[in-house]
Amino acid sequence: MKFLIKSFGNYSFQIFLLRLILGTVMFAHGSQKIMGWFGGRGLEATIATWGDKLAIPPMLGYLAIFAEFFGGFFLIIGLLTRFSAIGTAITMAVAVFAVHWSGGFFMPKGIEFALTLLIISIVMFLSGPGKYSLDEKFFNIKSE
């Protein structure tokens, strides 16, 4: 039964996995919105849709999209991790409360996915980049 209580693995590797998953998901969604990749509509169409359907001002729309795309990329490589994580956390908080809240908890319109990304973003902000990151290499930012 001790194995159920004991910590497994390496904290920095666990943070690396969370950072990689969060970064990949955010980058992919940002790519849909900026470049139209993965079935997305592209930047101008996304901004227009958000303005028409959600009344999101264009400047805030651009900030959210760039936070997803560039924040996701920087999370993947572990550079400017805390800055990127706070950007994705803010974006996901807006998504939870302004976009998905009325859809309830469950997908496809609910908050569960955006809420999960919000919590992971907060964990990344609080934990830092871990030792498998460019932040560690360039800025000697330690997480442990």
C-alpha atoms as a PDB file:
ATOM      1  CA  MET A   1       0.000   0.000   0.000  1.00  0.00           C
ATOM      2  CA  LYS A   2       2.986   2.317   0.403  1.00  0.00           C
ATOM      3  CA  PHE A   3       3.168   2.751  -3.359  1.00  0.00           C
ATOM      4  CA  LEU A   4      -0.220   4.522  -3.272  1.00  0.00           C
ATOM      5  CA  ILE A   5       1.145   7.201  -0.946  1.00  0.00           C
ATOM      6  CA  LYS A   6       4.720   7.538  -2.174  1.00  0.00           C
ATOM      7  CA  SER A   7       5.551  10.177  -4.788  1.00  0.00           C
ATOM      8  CA  PHE A   8       6.389   8.800  -8.214  1.00  0.00           C
ATOM      9  CA  GLY A   9       9.005  10.169 -10.509  1.00  0.00           C
ATOM     10  CA  ASN A  10      10.620  13.505 -10.773  1.00  0.00           C
ATOM     11  CA  TYR A  11       8.824  16.784 -10.069  1.00  0.00           C
ATOM     12  CA  SER A  12      10.537  18.612 -12.953  1.00  0.00           C
ATOM     13  CA  PHE A  13       9.552  15.887 -15.397  1.00  0.00           C
ATOM     14  CA  GLN A  14       5.937  16.087 -14.220  1.00  0.00           C
ATOM     15  CA  ILE A  15       5.965  19.876 -14.678  1.00  0.00           C
ATOM     16  CA  PHE A  16       7.551  19.387 -18.102  1.00  0.00           C
ATOM     17  CA  LEU A  17       4.679  17.085 -19.128  1.00  0.00           C
ATOM     18  CA  LEU A  18       2.045  19.556 -17.922  1.00  0.00           C
ATOM     19  CA  ARG A  19       3.832  22.440 -19.657  1.00  0.00           C
ATOM     20  CA  LEU A  20       4.141  20.456 -22.890  1.00  0.00           C
ATOM     21  CA  ILE A  21       0.479  19.408 -22.944  1.00  0.00           C
ATOM     22  CA  LEU A  22      -0.814  22.880 -22.054  1.00  0.00           C
ATOM     23  CA  GLY A  23       1.495  24.497 -24.612  1.00  0.00           C
ATOM     24  CA  THR A  24       0.506  22.083 -27.364  1.00  0.00           C
ATOM     25  CA  VAL A  25      -3.228  22.540 -26.793  1.00  0.00           C
ATOM     26  CA  MET A  26      -2.954  26.330 -26.581  1.00  0.00           C
ATOM     27  CA  PHE A  27      -0.678  26.539 -29.642  1.00  0.00           C
ATOM     28  CA  ALA A  28      -3.020  24.330 -31.692  1.00  0.00           C
ATOM     29  CA  HIS A  29      -6.060  26.431 -30.776  1.00  0.00           C
ATOM     30  CA  GLY A  30      -4.142  29.641 -31.437  1.00  0.00           C
ATOM     31  CA  SER A  31      -3.054  28.242 -34.818  1.00  0.00           C
ATOM     32  CA  GLN A  32      -6.685  27.696 -35.740  1.00  0.00           C
ATOM     33  CA  LYS A  33      -7.469  31.289 -34.931  1.00  0.00           C
ATOM     34  CA  ILE A  34      -4.391  32.959 -36.437  1.00  0.00           C
ATOM     35  CA  MET A  35      -3.595  30.837 -39.486  1.00  0.00           C
ATOM     36  CA  GLY A  36      -6.688  28.773 -40.078  1.00  0.00           C
ATOM     37  CA  TRP A  37      -4.788  25.549 -39.379  1.00  0.00           C
ATOM     38  CA  PHE A  38      -6.538  22.424 -38.067  1.00  0.00           C
ATOM     39  CA  GLY A  39      -9.923  23.483 -39.429  1.00  0.00           C
ATOM     40  CA  GLY A  40      -9.782  27.023 -38.049  1.00  0.00           C
ATOM     41  CA  ARG A  41     -11.145  30.141 -39.697  1.00  0.00           C
ATOM     42  CA  GLY A  42      -8.121  32.433 -39.513  1.00  0.00           C
ATOM     43  CA  LEU A  43      -7.464  35.683 -37.711  1.00  0.00           C
ATOM     44  CA  GLU A  44      -9.849  38.163 -39.320  1.00  0.00           C
ATOM     45  CA  ALA A  45     -12.783  35.737 -39.430  1.00  0.00           C
ATOM     46  CA  THR A  46     -12.262  34.819 -35.767  1.00  0.00           C
ATOM     47  CA  ILE A  47     -12.090  38.461 -34.685  1.00  0.00           C
ATOM     48  CA  ALA A  48     -15.221  39.279 -36.698  1.00  0.00           C
ATOM     49  CA  THR A  49     -17.143  36.322 -35.258  1.00  0.00           C
ATOM     50  CA  TRP A  50     -16.129  37.146 -31.683  1.00  0.00           C
ATOM     51  CA  GLY A  51     -17.173  40.761 -32.214  1.00  0.00           C
ATOM     52  CA  ASP A  52     -20.550  39.854 -33.701  1.00  0.00           C
ATOM     53  CA  LYS A  53     -21.543  36.917 -31.485  1.00  0.00           C
ATOM     54  CA  LEU A  54     -19.712  37.616 -28.225  1.00  0.00           C
ATOM     55  CA  ALA A  55     -19.276  41.409 -28.323  1.00  0.00           C
ATOM     56  CA  ILE A  56     -15.539  41.016 -27.674  1.00  0.00           C
ATOM     57  CA  PRO A  57     -13.673  44.171 -28.745  1.00  0.00           C
ATOM     58  CA  PRO A  58     -11.119  43.476 -31.486  1.00  0.00           C
ATOM     59  CA  MET A  59      -8.122  44.506 -29.329  1.00  0.00           C
ATOM     60  CA  LEU A  60      -9.078  42.016 -26.600  1.00  0.00           C
ATOM     61  CA  GLY A  61      -9.676  39.378 -29.250  1.00  0.00           C
ATOM     62  CA  TYR A  62      -6.192  39.877 -30.672  1.00  0.00           C
ATOM     63  CA  LEU A  63      -4.681  39.693 -27.174  1.00  0.00           C
ATOM     64  CA  ALA A  64      -6.493  36.435 -26.431  1.00  0.00           C
ATOM     65  CA  ILE A  65      -5.510  34.862 -29.744  1.00  0.00           C
ATOM     66  CA  PHE A  66      -1.871  35.909 -29.407  1.00  0.00           C
ATOM     67  CA  ALA A  67      -1.821  34.635 -25.805  1.00  0.00           C
ATOM     68  CA  GLU A  68      -2.975  31.245 -27.078  1.00  0.00           C
ATOM     69  CA  PHE A  69      -0.607  31.060 -30.046  1.00  0.00           C
ATOM     70  CA  PHE A  70       2.584  32.619 -28.686  1.00  0.00           C
ATOM     71  CA  GLY A  71       1.915  31.598 -25.082  1.00  0.00           C
ATOM     72  CA  GLY A  72       1.437  28.021 -26.248  1.00  0.00           C
ATOM     73  CA  PHE A  73       4.653  28.090 -28.261  1.00  0.00           C
ATOM     74  CA  PHE A  74       6.653  29.545 -25.372  1.00  0.00           C
ATOM     75  CA  LEU A  75       5.181  26.994 -22.955  1.00  0.00           C
ATOM     76  CA  ILE A  76       6.243  24.163 -25.272  1.00  0.00           C
ATOM     77  CA  ILE A  77       9.857  25.350 -25.294  1.00  0.00           C
ATOM     78  CA  GLY A  78       9.793  26.528 -21.680  1.00  0.00           C
ATOM     79  CA  LEU A  79      10.681  30.148 -22.346  1.00  0.00           C
ATOM     80  CA  LEU A  80       8.970  32.998 -20.481  1.00  0.00           C
ATOM     81  CA  THR A  81       6.928  30.280 -18.813  1.00  0.00           C
ATOM     82  CA  ARG A  82       5.280  32.269 -16.042  1.00  0.00           C
ATOM     83  CA  PHE A  83       4.434  35.173 -18.347  1.00  0.00           C
ATOM     84  CA  SER A  84       2.945  32.760 -20.893  1.00  0.00           C
ATOM     85  CA  ALA A  85       1.038  30.854 -18.224  1.00  0.00           C
ATOM     86  CA  ILE A  86      -0.582  33.994 -16.829  1.00  0.00           C
ATOM     87  CA  GLY A  87      -1.608  34.976 -20.367  1.00  0.00           C
ATOM     88  CA  THR A  88      -3.211  31.596 -21.018  1.00  0.00           C
ATOM     89  CA  ALA A  89      -4.841  31.655 -17.552  1.00  0.00           C
ATOM     90  CA  ILE A  90      -6.479  35.025 -18.232  1.00  0.00           C
ATOM     91  CA  THR A  91      -7.622  33.857 -21.661  1.00  0.00           C
ATOM     92  CA  MET A  92      -9.119  30.680 -20.202  1.00  0.00           C
ATOM     93  CA  ALA A  93     -10.782  32.555 -17.330  1.00  0.00           C
ATOM     94  CA  VAL A  94     -12.548  34.754 -19.892  1.00  0.00           C
ATOM     95  CA  ALA A  95     -13.468  31.653 -21.899  1.00  0.00           C
ATOM     96  CA  VAL A  96     -14.948  29.967 -18.802  1.00  0.00           C
ATOM     97  CA  PHE A  97     -16.975  32.909 -17.548  1.00  0.00           C
ATOM     98  CA  ALA A  98     -17.839  34.861 -20.698  1.00  0.00           C
ATOM     99  CA  VAL A  99     -18.179  32.126 -23.310  1.00  0.00           C
ATOM    100  CA  HIS A 100     -18.837  28.670 -21.820  1.00  0.00           C
ATOM    101  CA  TRP A 101     -20.567  29.366 -18.493  1.00  0.00           C
ATOM    102  CA  SER A 102     -24.055  29.357 -19.996  1.00  0.00           C
ATOM    103  CA  GLY A 103     -23.357  25.923 -21.536  1.00  0.00           C
ATOM    104  CA  GLY A 104     -23.101  24.234 -18.140  1.00  0.00           C
ATOM    105  CA  PHE A 105     -20.258  21.976 -17.117  1.00  0.00           C
ATOM    106  CA  PHE A 106     -20.015  19.358 -19.866  1.00  0.00           C
ATOM    107  CA  MET A 107     -18.701  19.658 -23.399  1.00  0.00           C
ATOM    108  CA  PRO A 108     -19.297  20.574 -26.157  1.00  0.00           C
ATOM    109  CA  LYS A 109     -20.480  23.996 -24.947  1.00  0.00           C
ATOM    110  CA  GLY A 110     -19.696  23.706 -21.230  1.00  0.00           C
ATOM    111  CA  ILE A 111     -16.784  24.895 -19.120  1.00  0.00           C
ATOM    112  CA  GLU A 112     -14.971  21.619 -18.387  1.00  0.00           C
ATOM    113  CA  PHE A 113     -12.218  21.903 -21.026  1.00  0.00           C
ATOM    114  CA  ALA A 114     -11.550  25.623 -20.585  1.00  0.00           C
ATOM    115  CA  LEU A 115     -11.626  25.198 -16.798  1.00  0.00           C
ATOM    116  CA  THR A 116      -9.067  22.380 -17.000  1.00  0.00           C
ATOM    117  CA  LEU A 117      -6.758  24.565 -19.107  1.00  0.00           C
ATOM    118  CA  LEU A 118      -7.266  27.446 -16.659  1.00  0.00           C
ATOM    119  CA  ILE A 119      -6.233  25.293 -13.684  1.00  0.00           C
ATOM    120  CA  ILE A 120      -3.193  23.879 -15.523  1.00  0.00           C
ATOM    121  CA  SER A 121      -2.185  27.445 -16.476  1.00  0.00           C
ATOM    122  CA  ILE A 122      -2.387  28.493 -12.829  1.00  0.00           C
ATOM    123  CA  VAL A 123      -0.295  25.463 -11.797  1.00  0.00           C
ATOM    124  CA  MET A 124       2.320  26.397 -14.428  1.00  0.00           C
ATOM    125  CA  PHE A 125       2.401  29.980 -13.184  1.00  0.00           C
ATOM    126  CA  LEU A 126       2.833  28.876  -9.575  1.00  0.00           C
ATOM    127  CA  SER A 127       5.298  26.043 -10.207  1.00  0.00           C
ATOM    128  CA  GLY A 128       7.556  27.696 -12.754  1.00  0.00           C
ATOM    129  CA  PRO A 129       9.152  26.093 -15.784  1.00  0.00           C
ATOM    130  CA  GLY A 130      10.999  23.130 -14.256  1.00  0.00           C
ATOM    131  CA  LYS A 131      14.537  22.143 -15.114  1.00  0.00           C
ATOM    132  CA  TYR A 132      13.659  20.923 -18.621  1.00  0.00           C
ATOM    133  CA  SER A 133      13.158  24.423 -19.977  1.00  0.00           C
ATOM    134  CA  LEU A 134      14.914  27.271 -21.726  1.00  0.00           C
ATOM    135  CA  ASP A 135      14.086  29.474 -18.729  1.00  0.00           C
ATOM    136  CA  GLU A 136      16.337  27.223 -16.641  1.00  0.00           C
ATOM    137  CA  LYS A 137      19.099  27.292 -19.244  1.00  0.00           C
ATOM    138  CA  PHE A 138      19.083  31.014 -20.045  1.00  0.00           C
ATOM    139  CA  PHE A 139      17.853  32.626 -16.813  1.00  0.00           C
ATOM    140  CA  ASN A 140      18.745  29.978 -14.221  1.00  0.00           C
ATOM    141  CA  ILE A 141      15.128  29.950 -13.018  1.00  0.00           C
ATOM    142  CA  LYS A 142      14.763  27.059 -10.602  1.00  0.00           C
ATOM    143  CA  SER A 143      11.444  25.469  -9.755  1.00  0.00           C
ATOM    144  CA  GLU A 144      12.498  23.021  -7.050  1.00  0.00           C
END
